Amino acid sequence: MIPEILSEAKTKMAKAVDAAKEDFAAVRTGRANPSLFSGLLVEYYGTPTPLQQLASFQNPEARTLLITPYDRSALNDIEKALRNSDVGANPANDGNVIRVVMPELTEERRKEYVKIVGHKAEEARVSVRNIRRHAKDQVEKLVKDGEIGEDEGKRAEKDLDGSTRKHIEQIDELLKNKEAELLQV
């Protein structure tokens, strides 16, 4: 019973770390990166469709991204979605591909992004702590119901605390790396 609870908690904590990693990737750094557009939906034949399903991406330069649609008829829809997105890019359509040049970030905007990333990291930490609390409650219920002994419950909690600490440290490391990337000029 305890191994299942701990295993489930560790799996959920790892997913929280992965979600934080994806959130961090969506914050732009001045470099062109296809993950910037991971949440962008394009109106394609009346249906909101993820951009990754409609086009391929190439990164010829650090701040330039070439987006080549699989279906040329979607070119204008993709350009419109990029223009309306909050990424801050100005797409240029040449009839075959869309060229997106990312503008340089100002110092003020970089600091704003650091705050956003810090907030996302805190959300991930809270998520990990909530997973820990839920698993701890399950273990305490087993101890209370007499299904396991108190020593076994304490060992499980200690193991759970170690996993929590490990996953929070991973989030902190991701945060530190992203902050350094954002503040790099």
N, C-alpha and C. Protein backbone atom coordinates (compact mmCIF):
# COMPACT_ATOMS: atom_id res chain seq x y z
N MET A 1 0.82 -1.20 0.00
CA MET A 1 0.00 0.00 0.00
C MET A 1 0.86 1.26 0.00
N ILE A 2 1.85 1.33 0.87
CA ILE A 2 2.72 2.50 0.95
C ILE A 2 3.54 2.68 -0.33
N PRO A 3 4.13 1.60 -0.88
CA PRO A 3 4.91 1.80 -2.11
C PRO A 3 4.06 2.41 -3.25
N GLU A 4 2.79 2.03 -3.33
CA GLU A 4 1.92 2.60 -4.38
C GLU A 4 1.71 4.09 -4.14
N ILE A 5 1.47 4.47 -2.89
CA ILE A 5 1.24 5.88 -2.55
C ILE A 5 2.49 6.69 -2.88
N LEU A 6 3.66 6.19 -2.46
CA LEU A 6 4.91 6.91 -2.71
C LEU A 6 5.23 6.97 -4.20
N SER A 7 5.00 5.89 -4.90
CA SER A 7 5.27 5.86 -6.34
C SER A 7 4.37 6.85 -7.08
N GLU A 8 3.10 6.87 -6.71
CA GLU A 8 2.16 7.80 -7.35
C GLU A 8 2.56 9.25 -7.07
N ALA A 9 2.96 9.52 -5.82
CA ALA A 9 3.37 10.88 -5.46
C ALA A 9 4.61 11.30 -6.24
N LYS A 10 5.60 10.39 -6.36
CA LYS A 10 6.82 10.72 -7.09
C LYS A 10 6.52 10.98 -8.57
N THR A 11 5.62 10.18 -9.14
CA THR A 11 5.24 10.37 -10.55
C THR A 11 4.58 11.73 -10.75
N LYS A 12 3.67 12.08 -9.85
CA LYS A 12 2.98 13.37 -9.96
C LYS A 12 3.95 14.53 -9.76
N MET A 13 4.91 14.38 -8.83
CA MET A 13 5.90 15.43 -8.61
C MET A 13 6.77 15.62 -9.85
N ALA A 14 7.14 14.51 -10.48
CA ALA A 14 7.95 14.59 -11.70
C ALA A 14 7.16 15.31 -12.81
N LYS A 15 5.86 15.05 -12.87
CA LYS A 15 5.02 15.73 -13.86
C LYS A 15 4.95 17.23 -13.56
N ALA A 16 4.92 17.59 -12.29
CA ALA A 16 4.90 19.02 -11.92
C ALA A 16 6.20 19.69 -12.36
N VAL A 17 7.32 19.00 -12.21
CA VAL A 17 8.61 19.54 -12.65
C VAL A 17 8.61 19.69 -14.18
N ASP A 18 8.08 18.69 -14.89
CA ASP A 18 7.99 18.77 -16.35
C ASP A 18 7.10 19.92 -16.79
N ALA A 19 6.01 20.13 -16.08
CA ALA A 19 5.10 21.24 -16.41
C ALA A 19 5.81 22.57 -16.21
N ALA A 20 6.61 22.68 -15.14
CA ALA A 20 7.38 23.91 -14.91
C ALA A 20 8.38 24.12 -16.04
N LYS A 21 9.02 23.04 -16.48
CA LYS A 21 9.99 23.13 -17.57
C LYS A 21 9.30 23.65 -18.84
N GLU A 22 8.10 23.15 -19.14
CA GLU A 22 7.35 23.61 -20.31
C GLU A 22 6.93 25.08 -20.16
N ASP A 23 6.50 25.44 -18.95
CA ASP A 23 6.13 26.84 -18.69
C ASP A 23 7.33 27.76 -18.92
N PHE A 24 8.49 27.35 -18.44
CA PHE A 24 9.69 28.16 -18.59
C PHE A 24 10.07 28.29 -20.07
N ALA A 25 9.90 27.22 -20.82
CA ALA A 25 10.26 27.25 -22.25
C ALA A 25 9.39 28.23 -23.02
N ALA A 26 8.17 28.46 -22.53
CA ALA A 26 7.25 29.35 -23.23
C ALA A 26 7.57 30.83 -22.98
N VAL A 27 8.44 31.11 -22.01
CA VAL A 27 8.82 32.50 -21.74
C VAL A 27 9.98 32.84 -22.66
N ARG A 28 9.83 33.89 -23.42
CA ARG A 28 10.83 34.18 -24.45
C ARG A 28 12.06 34.87 -23.88
N THR A 29 13.18 34.62 -24.53
CA THR A 29 14.45 35.16 -24.04
C THR A 29 15.12 36.08 -25.03
N GLY A 30 14.52 36.31 -26.17
CA GLY A 30 15.17 37.10 -27.20
C GLY A 30 15.69 36.20 -28.30
N ARG A 31 15.79 34.91 -28.00
CA ARG A 31 16.16 33.93 -29.02
C ARG A 31 14.87 33.37 -29.60
N ALA A 32 14.89 33.06 -30.87
CA ALA A 32 13.74 32.44 -31.50
C ALA A 32 13.74 30.96 -31.16
N ASN A 33 12.62 30.47 -30.68
CA ASN A 33 12.52 29.08 -30.27
C ASN A 33 11.10 28.61 -30.58
N PRO A 34 10.94 27.48 -31.25
CA PRO A 34 9.59 27.01 -31.58
C PRO A 34 8.69 26.82 -30.36
N SER A 35 9.27 26.56 -29.20
CA SER A 35 8.44 26.36 -28.01
C SER A 35 7.71 27.64 -27.59
N LEU A 36 8.16 28.79 -28.11
CA LEU A 36 7.45 30.04 -27.82
C LEU A 36 6.02 29.99 -28.33
N PHE A 37 5.82 29.20 -29.37
CA PHE A 37 4.51 29.14 -30.01
C PHE A 37 3.76 27.86 -29.65
N SER A 38 4.20 27.16 -28.60
CA SER A 38 3.60 25.87 -28.26
C SER A 38 2.13 25.97 -27.89
N GLY A 39 1.71 27.07 -27.30
CA GLY A 39 0.30 27.19 -26.91
C GLY A 39 -0.53 27.96 -27.91
N LEU A 40 0.06 28.32 -29.06
CA LEU A 40 -0.64 29.16 -30.03
C LEU A 40 -1.59 28.33 -30.89
N LEU A 41 -2.85 28.77 -30.91
CA LEU A 41 -3.86 28.10 -31.73
C LEU A 41 -4.14 28.94 -32.96
N VAL A 42 -4.26 28.27 -34.10
CA VAL A 42 -4.54 28.93 -35.37
C VAL A 42 -5.93 28.50 -35.82
N GLU A 43 -6.73 29.46 -36.26
CA GLU A 43 -8.06 29.18 -36.78
C GLU A 43 -7.88 28.55 -38.16
N TYR A 44 -8.05 27.22 -38.26
CA TYR A 44 -7.81 26.48 -39.50
C TYR A 44 -9.09 25.78 -39.91
N TYR A 45 -9.69 26.26 -40.99
CA TYR A 45 -10.99 25.76 -41.44
C TYR A 45 -12.01 25.79 -40.32
N GLY A 46 -12.02 26.88 -39.56
CA GLY A 46 -13.00 27.07 -38.50
C GLY A 46 -12.71 26.34 -37.20
N THR A 47 -11.58 25.65 -37.13
CA THR A 47 -11.24 24.89 -35.92
C THR A 47 -9.93 25.41 -35.34
N PRO A 48 -9.89 25.74 -34.05
CA PRO A 48 -8.62 26.14 -33.43
C PRO A 48 -7.66 24.95 -33.42
N THR A 49 -6.52 25.10 -34.09
CA THR A 49 -5.55 24.02 -34.25
C THR A 49 -4.19 24.49 -33.76
N PRO A 50 -3.46 23.64 -33.00
CA PRO A 50 -2.11 24.03 -32.56
C PRO A 50 -1.20 24.28 -33.76
N LEU A 51 -0.39 25.33 -33.67
CA LEU A 51 0.50 25.71 -34.77
C LEU A 51 1.46 24.58 -35.14
N GLN A 52 1.92 23.81 -34.16
CA GLN A 52 2.86 22.71 -34.42
C GLN A 52 2.27 21.67 -35.37
N GLN A 53 0.94 21.56 -35.43
CA GLN A 53 0.31 20.59 -36.32
C GLN A 53 0.14 21.14 -37.74
N LEU A 54 0.35 22.43 -37.90
CA LEU A 54 0.13 23.05 -39.21
C LEU A 54 1.41 23.42 -39.95
N ALA A 55 2.54 23.44 -39.26
CA ALA A 55 3.75 23.95 -39.90
C ALA A 55 5.01 23.33 -39.29
N SER A 56 6.09 23.44 -40.05
CA SER A 56 7.40 23.03 -39.53
C SER A 56 8.19 24.30 -39.19
N PHE A 57 9.18 24.16 -38.34
CA PHE A 57 9.96 25.29 -37.87
C PHE A 57 11.43 25.09 -38.20
N GLN A 58 12.09 26.17 -38.58
CA GLN A 58 13.53 26.17 -38.78
C GLN A 58 14.08 27.39 -38.06
N ASN A 59 15.30 27.25 -37.55
CA ASN A 59 15.90 28.33 -36.79
C ASN A 59 17.24 28.70 -37.44
N PRO A 60 17.22 29.50 -38.55
CA PRO A 60 18.46 29.79 -39.26
C PRO A 60 19.41 30.71 -38.49
N GLU A 61 18.86 31.60 -37.65
CA GLU A 61 19.68 32.52 -36.85
C GLU A 61 19.13 32.54 -35.43
N ALA A 62 19.86 33.14 -34.53
CA ALA A 62 19.46 33.14 -33.12
C ALA A 62 18.10 33.80 -32.88
N ARG A 63 17.81 34.88 -33.62
CA ARG A 63 16.57 35.60 -33.37
C ARG A 63 15.55 35.43 -34.49
N THR A 64 15.81 34.53 -35.44
CA THR A 64 14.92 34.35 -36.57
C THR A 64 14.36 32.94 -36.59
N LEU A 65 13.09 32.84 -36.91
CA LEU A 65 12.42 31.55 -37.01
C LEU A 65 11.66 31.51 -38.32
N LEU A 66 11.87 30.46 -39.11
CA LEU A 66 11.12 30.28 -40.35
C LEU A 66 10.02 29.26 -40.10
N ILE A 67 8.81 29.65 -40.42
CA ILE A 67 7.66 28.76 -40.23
C ILE A 67 7.14 28.40 -41.62
N THR A 68 7.19 27.11 -41.94
CA THR A 68 6.74 26.64 -43.25
C THR A 68 5.46 25.83 -43.07
N PRO A 69 4.32 26.35 -43.53
CA PRO A 69 3.07 25.61 -43.37
C PRO A 69 3.04 24.38 -44.28
N TYR A 70 2.41 23.32 -43.79
CA TYR A 70 2.25 22.12 -44.60
C TYR A 70 1.23 22.39 -45.71
N ASP A 71 0.25 23.24 -45.42
CA ASP A 71 -0.80 23.60 -46.37
C ASP A 71 -0.67 25.10 -46.62
N ARG A 72 -0.32 25.49 -47.85
CA ARG A 72 -0.10 26.91 -48.16
C ARG A 72 -1.35 27.76 -47.93
N SER A 73 -2.52 27.15 -47.99
CA SER A 73 -3.75 27.94 -47.78
C SER A 73 -3.87 28.42 -46.34
N ALA A 74 -3.10 27.82 -45.44
CA ALA A 74 -3.14 28.22 -44.03
C ALA A 74 -2.16 29.34 -43.72
N LEU A 75 -1.39 29.78 -44.71
CA LEU A 75 -0.35 30.78 -44.50
C LEU A 75 -0.88 32.06 -43.86
N ASN A 76 -1.97 32.59 -44.41
CA ASN A 76 -2.53 33.84 -43.87
C ASN A 76 -3.11 33.65 -42.48
N ASP A 77 -3.73 32.49 -42.23
CA ASP A 77 -4.29 32.22 -40.89
C ASP A 77 -3.18 32.13 -39.85
N ILE A 78 -2.07 31.49 -40.22
CA ILE A 78 -0.93 31.36 -39.30
C ILE A 78 -0.34 32.75 -39.02
N GLU A 79 -0.18 33.55 -40.08
CA GLU A 79 0.37 34.89 -39.91
C GLU A 79 -0.53 35.73 -39.00
N LYS A 80 -1.84 35.62 -39.19
CA LYS A 80 -2.79 36.37 -38.36
C LYS A 80 -2.69 35.95 -36.89
N ALA A 81 -2.60 34.64 -36.65
CA ALA A 81 -2.49 34.15 -35.27
C ALA A 81 -1.18 34.62 -34.62
N LEU A 82 -0.09 34.63 -35.39
CA LEU A 82 1.19 35.11 -34.86
C LEU A 82 1.13 36.59 -34.53
N ARG A 83 0.49 37.36 -35.41
CA ARG A 83 0.38 38.80 -35.21
C ARG A 83 -0.45 39.12 -33.95
N ASN A 84 -1.48 38.31 -33.70
CA ASN A 84 -2.38 38.55 -32.56
C ASN A 84 -1.87 37.93 -31.26
N SER A 85 -0.79 37.15 -31.32
CA SER A 85 -0.27 36.50 -30.12
C SER A 85 0.47 37.51 -29.25
N ASP A 86 0.73 37.13 -28.01
CA ASP A 86 1.41 38.03 -27.08
C ASP A 86 2.93 37.81 -27.05
N VAL A 87 3.46 37.15 -28.08
CA VAL A 87 4.89 36.86 -28.13
C VAL A 87 5.69 38.11 -28.45
N GLY A 88 5.07 39.05 -29.15
CA GLY A 88 5.76 40.30 -29.46
C GLY A 88 6.57 40.24 -30.73
N ALA A 89 6.25 39.28 -31.59
CA ALA A 89 6.99 39.15 -32.85
C ALA A 89 6.18 39.75 -33.98
N ASN A 90 6.89 40.17 -35.02
CA ASN A 90 6.22 40.72 -36.19
C ASN A 90 6.50 39.80 -37.36
N PRO A 91 5.54 38.94 -37.73
CA PRO A 91 5.78 37.98 -38.81
C PRO A 91 5.76 38.64 -40.18
N ALA A 92 6.59 38.13 -41.09
CA ALA A 92 6.63 38.60 -42.47
C ALA A 92 6.35 37.41 -43.38
N ASN A 93 5.36 37.55 -44.25
CA ASN A 93 4.91 36.48 -45.12
C ASN A 93 5.44 36.74 -46.52
N ASP A 94 6.18 35.77 -47.09
CA ASP A 94 6.68 35.95 -48.46
C ASP A 94 5.94 35.08 -49.46
N GLY A 95 4.84 34.46 -49.06
CA GLY A 95 4.05 33.62 -49.95
C GLY A 95 4.35 32.15 -49.79
N ASN A 96 5.53 31.79 -49.29
CA ASN A 96 5.88 30.39 -49.06
C ASN A 96 6.13 30.09 -47.59
N VAL A 97 6.84 30.99 -46.93
CA VAL A 97 7.17 30.80 -45.52
C VAL A 97 6.88 32.09 -44.77
N ILE A 98 6.78 31.94 -43.46
CA ILE A 98 6.62 33.11 -42.59
C ILE A 98 7.93 33.26 -41.83
N ARG A 99 8.50 34.44 -41.90
CA ARG A 99 9.75 34.74 -41.20
C ARG A 99 9.38 35.56 -39.96
N VAL A 100 9.79 35.04 -38.80
CA VAL A 100 9.52 35.74 -37.54
C VAL A 100 10.86 36.16 -36.95
N VAL A 101 11.07 37.46 -36.83
CA VAL A 101 12.29 37.99 -36.22
C VAL A 101 11.92 38.51 -34.83
N MET A 102 12.56 37.97 -33.83
CA MET A 102 12.28 38.36 -32.46
C MET A 102 13.04 39.64 -32.14
N PRO A 103 12.33 40.66 -31.63
CA PRO A 103 13.02 41.91 -31.28
C PRO A 103 13.90 41.72 -30.04
N GLU A 104 14.90 42.59 -29.91
CA GLU A 104 15.76 42.57 -28.72
C GLU A 104 14.92 42.90 -27.49
N LEU A 105 15.25 42.27 -26.38
CA LEU A 105 14.53 42.56 -25.14
C LEU A 105 15.17 43.73 -24.41
N THR A 106 14.33 44.59 -23.84
CA THR A 106 14.84 45.69 -23.02
C THR A 106 15.14 45.15 -21.63
N GLU A 107 15.94 45.89 -20.87
CA GLU A 107 16.28 45.48 -19.50
C GLU A 107 15.02 45.36 -18.65
N GLU A 108 14.11 46.31 -18.82
CA GLU A 108 12.87 46.31 -18.05
C GLU A 108 12.04 45.06 -18.37
N ARG A 109 11.94 44.72 -19.65
CA ARG A 109 11.16 43.56 -20.08
C ARG A 109 11.80 42.28 -19.56
N ARG A 110 13.12 42.22 -19.55
CA ARG A 110 13.82 41.04 -19.03
C ARG A 110 13.48 40.82 -17.56
N LYS A 111 13.48 41.91 -16.79
CA LYS A 111 13.17 41.80 -15.36
C LYS A 111 11.72 41.36 -15.16
N GLU A 112 10.85 41.84 -16.02
CA GLU A 112 9.45 41.43 -15.96
C GLU A 112 9.32 39.93 -16.22
N TYR A 113 10.07 39.43 -17.20
CA TYR A 113 10.06 38.00 -17.50
C TYR A 113 10.61 37.18 -16.34
N VAL A 114 11.63 37.71 -15.65
CA VAL A 114 12.19 37.01 -14.49
C VAL A 114 11.10 36.86 -13.41
N LYS A 115 10.31 37.92 -13.21
CA LYS A 115 9.21 37.85 -12.23
C LYS A 115 8.18 36.81 -12.65
N ILE A 116 7.85 36.78 -13.94
CA ILE A 116 6.88 35.80 -14.44
C ILE A 116 7.40 34.38 -14.21
N VAL A 117 8.67 34.16 -14.52
CA VAL A 117 9.25 32.83 -14.33
C VAL A 117 9.28 32.46 -12.85
N GLY A 118 9.59 33.43 -11.99
CA GLY A 118 9.58 33.18 -10.54
C GLY A 118 8.21 32.78 -10.05
N HIS A 119 7.19 33.43 -10.58
CA HIS A 119 5.81 33.09 -10.22
C HIS A 119 5.45 31.68 -10.68
N LYS A 120 5.86 31.32 -11.89
CA LYS A 120 5.59 29.97 -12.41
C LYS A 120 6.32 28.92 -11.57
N ALA A 121 7.54 29.24 -11.12
CA ALA A 121 8.30 28.31 -10.29
C ALA A 121 7.59 28.12 -8.95
N GLU A 122 7.07 29.21 -8.38
CA GLU A 122 6.36 29.09 -7.11
C GLU A 122 5.09 28.25 -7.27
N GLU A 123 4.40 28.40 -8.39
CA GLU A 123 3.21 27.57 -8.65
C GLU A 123 3.60 26.09 -8.71
N ALA A 124 4.74 25.79 -9.33
CA ALA A 124 5.20 24.41 -9.42
C ALA A 124 5.56 23.87 -8.03
N ARG A 125 6.23 24.71 -7.23
CA ARG A 125 6.58 24.28 -5.86
C ARG A 125 5.32 23.99 -5.05
N VAL A 126 4.32 24.85 -5.16
CA VAL A 126 3.06 24.66 -4.44
C VAL A 126 2.41 23.36 -4.89
N SER A 127 2.47 23.09 -6.18
CA SER A 127 1.90 21.86 -6.71
C SER A 127 2.59 20.63 -6.10
N VAL A 128 3.92 20.67 -6.03
CA VAL A 128 4.68 19.56 -5.44
C VAL A 128 4.30 19.40 -3.96
N ARG A 129 4.19 20.53 -3.24
CA ARG A 129 3.83 20.45 -1.82
C ARG A 129 2.42 19.91 -1.62
N ASN A 130 1.51 20.26 -2.52
CA ASN A 130 0.14 19.73 -2.42
C ASN A 130 0.11 18.22 -2.66
N ILE A 131 0.94 17.75 -3.58
CA ILE A 131 1.04 16.31 -3.84
C ILE A 131 1.58 15.62 -2.59
N ARG A 132 2.59 16.23 -1.95
CA ARG A 132 3.15 15.68 -0.72
C ARG A 132 2.09 15.61 0.38
N ARG A 133 1.33 16.71 0.52
CA ARG A 133 0.32 16.75 1.57
C ARG A 133 -0.75 15.67 1.35
N HIS A 134 -1.15 15.49 0.10
CA HIS A 134 -2.16 14.49 -0.22
C HIS A 134 -1.65 13.07 0.11
N ALA A 135 -0.41 12.78 -0.28
CA ALA A 135 0.17 11.46 0.00
C ALA A 135 0.36 11.27 1.50
N LYS A 136 0.77 12.33 2.21
CA LYS A 136 0.95 12.25 3.66
C LYS A 136 -0.38 11.96 4.35
N ASP A 137 -1.44 12.60 3.87
CA ASP A 137 -2.77 12.33 4.42
C ASP A 137 -3.17 10.88 4.22
N GLN A 138 -2.84 10.32 3.07
CA GLN A 138 -3.16 8.92 2.81
C GLN A 138 -2.40 8.00 3.76
N VAL A 139 -1.12 8.31 3.98
CA VAL A 139 -0.31 7.50 4.90
C VAL A 139 -0.85 7.61 6.33
N GLU A 140 -1.17 8.83 6.75
CA GLU A 140 -1.72 9.03 8.10
C GLU A 140 -3.03 8.29 8.28
N LYS A 141 -3.84 8.24 7.24
CA LYS A 141 -5.12 7.51 7.32
C LYS A 141 -4.85 6.01 7.50
N LEU A 142 -3.84 5.48 6.81
CA LEU A 142 -3.49 4.06 6.96
C LEU A 142 -3.03 3.78 8.39
N VAL A 143 -2.24 4.70 8.97
CA VAL A 143 -1.76 4.53 10.35
C VAL A 143 -2.94 4.58 11.30
N LYS A 144 -3.83 5.54 11.08
CA LYS A 144 -4.99 5.73 11.95
C LYS A 144 -5.92 4.52 11.91
N ASP A 145 -6.09 3.95 10.71
CA ASP A 145 -6.96 2.80 10.55
C ASP A 145 -6.31 1.50 11.02
N GLY A 146 -5.03 1.57 11.36
CA GLY A 146 -4.33 0.40 11.88
C GLY A 146 -3.84 -0.55 10.80
N GLU A 147 -3.85 -0.11 9.54
CA GLU A 147 -3.40 -0.98 8.45
C GLU A 147 -1.88 -1.08 8.41
N ILE A 148 -1.20 -0.04 8.90
CA ILE A 148 0.26 -0.07 8.99
C ILE A 148 0.66 0.48 10.36
N GLY A 149 1.89 0.19 10.77
CA GLY A 149 2.39 0.67 12.05
C GLY A 149 2.87 2.11 11.96
N GLU A 150 3.04 2.74 13.12
CA GLU A 150 3.50 4.13 13.15
C GLU A 150 4.92 4.28 12.60
N ASP A 151 5.79 3.30 12.91
CA ASP A 151 7.17 3.37 12.40
C ASP A 151 7.18 3.34 10.88
N GLU A 152 6.36 2.47 10.32
CA GLU A 152 6.26 2.36 8.86
C GLU A 152 5.74 3.68 8.27
N GLY A 153 4.77 4.28 8.95
CA GLY A 153 4.22 5.56 8.50
C GLY A 153 5.26 6.67 8.55
N LYS A 154 6.08 6.69 9.61
CA LYS A 154 7.12 7.72 9.73
C LYS A 154 8.18 7.54 8.64
N ARG A 155 8.55 6.27 8.36
CA ARG A 155 9.52 6.01 7.29
C ARG A 155 8.97 6.49 5.94
N ALA A 156 7.69 6.22 5.70
CA ALA A 156 7.07 6.64 4.45
C ALA A 156 7.07 8.17 4.35
N GLU A 157 6.77 8.85 5.45
CA GLU A 157 6.77 10.32 5.45
C GLU A 157 8.18 10.87 5.19
N LYS A 158 9.19 10.20 5.78
CA LYS A 158 10.57 10.64 5.57
C LYS A 158 10.95 10.49 4.10
N ASP A 159 10.56 9.37 3.50
CA ASP A 159 10.83 9.13 2.08
C ASP A 159 10.10 10.17 1.22
N LEU A 160 8.87 10.47 1.62
CA LEU A 160 8.06 11.46 0.91
C LEU A 160 8.70 12.85 1.00
N ASP A 161 9.21 13.20 2.18
CA ASP A 161 9.88 14.49 2.37
C ASP A 161 11.14 14.59 1.49
N GLY A 162 11.88 13.48 1.40
CA GLY A 162 13.07 13.46 0.55
C GLY A 162 12.72 13.67 -0.91
N SER A 163 11.66 13.03 -1.37
CA SER A 163 11.21 13.21 -2.77
C SER A 163 10.77 14.64 -3.01
N THR A 164 10.04 15.18 -2.04
CA THR A 164 9.56 16.56 -2.17
C THR A 164 10.75 17.51 -2.28
N ARG A 165 11.72 17.35 -1.42
CA ARG A 165 12.90 18.21 -1.42
C ARG A 165 13.63 18.08 -2.76
N LYS A 166 13.79 16.85 -3.26
CA LYS A 166 14.50 16.62 -4.52
C LYS A 166 13.79 17.33 -5.68
N HIS A 167 12.47 17.22 -5.74
CA HIS A 167 11.73 17.83 -6.85
C HIS A 167 11.71 19.36 -6.75
N ILE A 168 11.64 19.88 -5.54
CA ILE A 168 11.67 21.33 -5.38
C ILE A 168 13.05 21.87 -5.77
N GLU A 169 14.11 21.11 -5.44
CA GLU A 169 15.46 21.51 -5.85
C GLU A 169 15.60 21.52 -7.37
N GLN A 170 14.94 20.56 -8.04
CA GLN A 170 14.97 20.54 -9.51
C GLN A 170 14.29 21.79 -10.07
N ILE A 171 13.16 22.16 -9.48
CA ILE A 171 12.44 23.37 -9.93
C ILE A 171 13.32 24.60 -9.69
N ASP A 172 13.98 24.67 -8.53
CA ASP A 172 14.85 25.81 -8.22
C ASP A 172 16.01 25.89 -9.21
N GLU A 173 16.56 24.73 -9.58
CA GLU A 173 17.67 24.70 -10.55
C GLU A 173 17.18 25.18 -11.92
N LEU A 174 16.00 24.72 -12.34
CA LEU A 174 15.43 25.19 -13.62
C LEU A 174 15.22 26.70 -13.59
N LEU A 175 14.72 27.19 -12.45
CA LEU A 175 14.48 28.62 -12.29
C LEU A 175 15.80 29.41 -12.40
N LYS A 176 16.83 28.93 -11.71
CA LYS A 176 18.11 29.61 -11.73
C LYS A 176 18.66 29.69 -13.16
N ASN A 177 18.57 28.57 -13.90
CA ASN A 177 19.06 28.54 -15.28
C ASN A 177 18.26 29.48 -16.18
N LYS A 178 16.94 29.50 -16.00
CA LYS A 178 16.10 30.35 -16.85
C LYS A 178 16.35 31.81 -16.55
N GLU A 179 16.51 32.16 -15.27
CA GLU A 179 16.81 33.55 -14.91
C GLU A 179 18.13 33.99 -15.53
N ALA A 180 19.13 33.13 -15.48
CA ALA A 180 20.43 33.47 -16.07
C ALA A 180 20.28 33.66 -17.58
N GLU A 181 19.49 32.82 -18.21
CA GLU A 181 19.26 32.93 -19.65
C GLU A 181 18.52 34.22 -19.99
N LEU A 182 17.55 34.58 -19.15
CA LEU A 182 16.78 35.79 -19.41
C LEU A 182 17.61 37.06 -19.22
N LEU A 183 18.48 37.07 -18.25
CA LEU A 183 19.25 38.29 -17.93
C LEU A 183 20.50 38.42 -18.80
N GLN A 184 20.85 37.35 -19.53
CA GLN A 184 22.01 37.40 -20.41
C GLN A 184 21.72 38.33 -21.58
N VAL A 185 22.63 39.24 -21.84
CA VAL A 185 22.42 40.21 -22.94
C VAL A 185 23.23 39.80 -24.15
